[in-house]
Amino acid sequence: MEAIRQIVQVEDSKVTVVLPTTFPSRRVEVIVLPVEANMNLSANSPAHAALRRPSPAIAGKGRILGDILGPAVPAEDWESTHETTR
C-alpha cells in the first residue's frame, strides 16, 4: 500500500489532491483533518517546520547552564540500581 500525506490549503471549501502518475490505485480513501487539531505532524513536513519556529522575542536568548548530558541525580539515588531483598 502506498500512502501520500499532504498539507494543502482549502480554497472555497474545496481541496485538490494531485496524485503522481505512478500512483497504483484507481480508488482512494480520503481523510480530512484540520492541521490545528492534528499536532502530531511528521518531523519532515513543511507544516511541522512552521510550528517549530521560535518567537522572535525569545529567539537566541537561551543559555545552557550546567551539564546537560550528565544525570540530574547521583546513580545511588536511582531505585532501579538497588537490589531488592525478599
Protein backbone atom coordinates (compact mmCIF):
# COMPACT_ATOMS: atom_id res chain seq x y z
CA MET A 1 0.00 0.00 0.00
CA GLU A 2 1.28 3.44 -0.90
CA ALA A 3 0.29 6.37 1.28
CA ILE A 4 0.62 10.06 0.48
CA ARG A 5 0.37 12.77 3.12
CA GLN A 6 -0.02 16.38 2.07
CA ILE A 7 -0.81 19.62 3.87
CA VAL A 8 -2.94 21.64 1.43
CA GLN A 9 -4.86 24.91 1.50
CA VAL A 10 -8.66 24.93 1.50
CA GLU A 11 -9.95 27.26 -1.23
CA ASP A 12 -13.69 27.98 -1.48
CA SER A 13 -14.41 24.94 0.72
CA LYS A 14 -12.54 22.70 -1.74
CA VAL A 15 -9.33 20.70 -1.51
CA THR A 16 -7.40 19.41 -4.52
CA VAL A 17 -5.00 16.49 -4.15
CA VAL A 18 -2.74 15.82 -7.12
CA LEU A 19 -1.52 12.23 -7.27
CA PRO A 20 1.66 11.15 -9.04
CA THR A 21 1.15 9.48 -12.42
CA THR A 22 2.70 6.31 -10.97
CA PHE A 23 0.06 6.03 -8.22
CA PRO A 24 -1.17 2.41 -8.45
CA SER A 25 -4.84 2.72 -7.44
CA ARG A 26 -7.93 3.98 -9.23
CA ARG A 27 -9.93 4.44 -5.98
CA VAL A 28 -8.65 6.05 -2.78
CA GLU A 29 -9.85 6.82 0.73
CA VAL A 30 -9.56 10.47 1.70
CA ILE A 31 -9.50 11.58 5.34
CA VAL A 32 -9.52 15.33 6.03
CA LEU A 33 -8.16 16.62 9.35
CA PRO A 34 -7.66 20.27 10.30
CA VAL A 35 -3.95 20.94 10.76
CA GLU A 36 -4.56 22.84 14.02
CA ALA A 37 -6.23 19.77 15.54
CA ASN A 38 -3.54 17.39 14.25
CA MET A 39 -0.42 18.45 16.16
CA ASN A 40 1.36 15.12 15.58
CA LEU A 41 2.90 16.21 12.31
CA SER A 42 5.81 14.41 10.74
CA ALA A 43 9.16 15.98 11.61
CA ASN A 44 9.84 16.31 7.86
CA SER A 45 6.62 18.06 6.91
CA PRO A 46 6.64 21.78 5.99
CA ALA A 47 3.83 22.43 8.46
CA HIS A 48 5.92 20.94 11.28
CA ALA A 49 8.79 23.32 10.46
CA ALA A 50 6.42 26.29 10.69
CA LEU A 51 5.15 25.14 14.08
CA ARG A 52 8.67 24.72 15.46
CA ARG A 53 9.87 28.28 14.73
CA PRO A 54 10.57 30.18 17.99
CA SER A 55 9.08 33.57 18.62
CA PRO A 56 11.42 36.39 17.53
CA ALA A 57 11.02 37.82 21.04
CA ILE A 58 12.89 34.84 22.55
CA ALA A 59 14.99 33.55 19.64
CA GLY A 60 18.69 33.38 20.50
CA LYS A 61 18.24 34.36 24.13
CA GLY A 62 18.51 30.89 25.71
CA ARG A 63 21.58 29.79 27.66
CA ILE A 64 22.75 26.35 28.73
CA LEU A 65 23.61 26.20 32.41
CA GLY A 66 25.46 23.21 33.82
CA ASP A 67 25.96 19.71 32.46
CA ILE A 68 23.16 18.80 30.05
CA LEU A 69 24.46 15.29 29.36
CA GLY A 70 25.00 14.02 32.90
CA PRO A 71 22.28 12.65 35.17
CA ALA A 72 20.28 15.07 37.30
CA VAL A 73 20.74 12.93 40.43
CA PRO A 74 23.57 10.65 41.58
CA ALA A 75 23.38 6.99 40.48
CA GLU A 76 22.97 5.94 44.14
CA ASP A 77 19.54 7.63 44.13
CA TRP A 78 18.24 5.55 41.23
CA GLU A 79 15.82 2.94 42.53
CA SER A 80 16.44 0.69 39.54
CA THR A 81 20.06 0.13 40.61
CA HIS A 82 19.17 -1.06 44.11
CA GLU A 83 18.95 -4.76 44.79
CA THR A 84 15.66 -5.86 46.18
CA THR A 85 15.53 -8.31 49.08
CA ARG A 86 12.57 -10.62 49.63
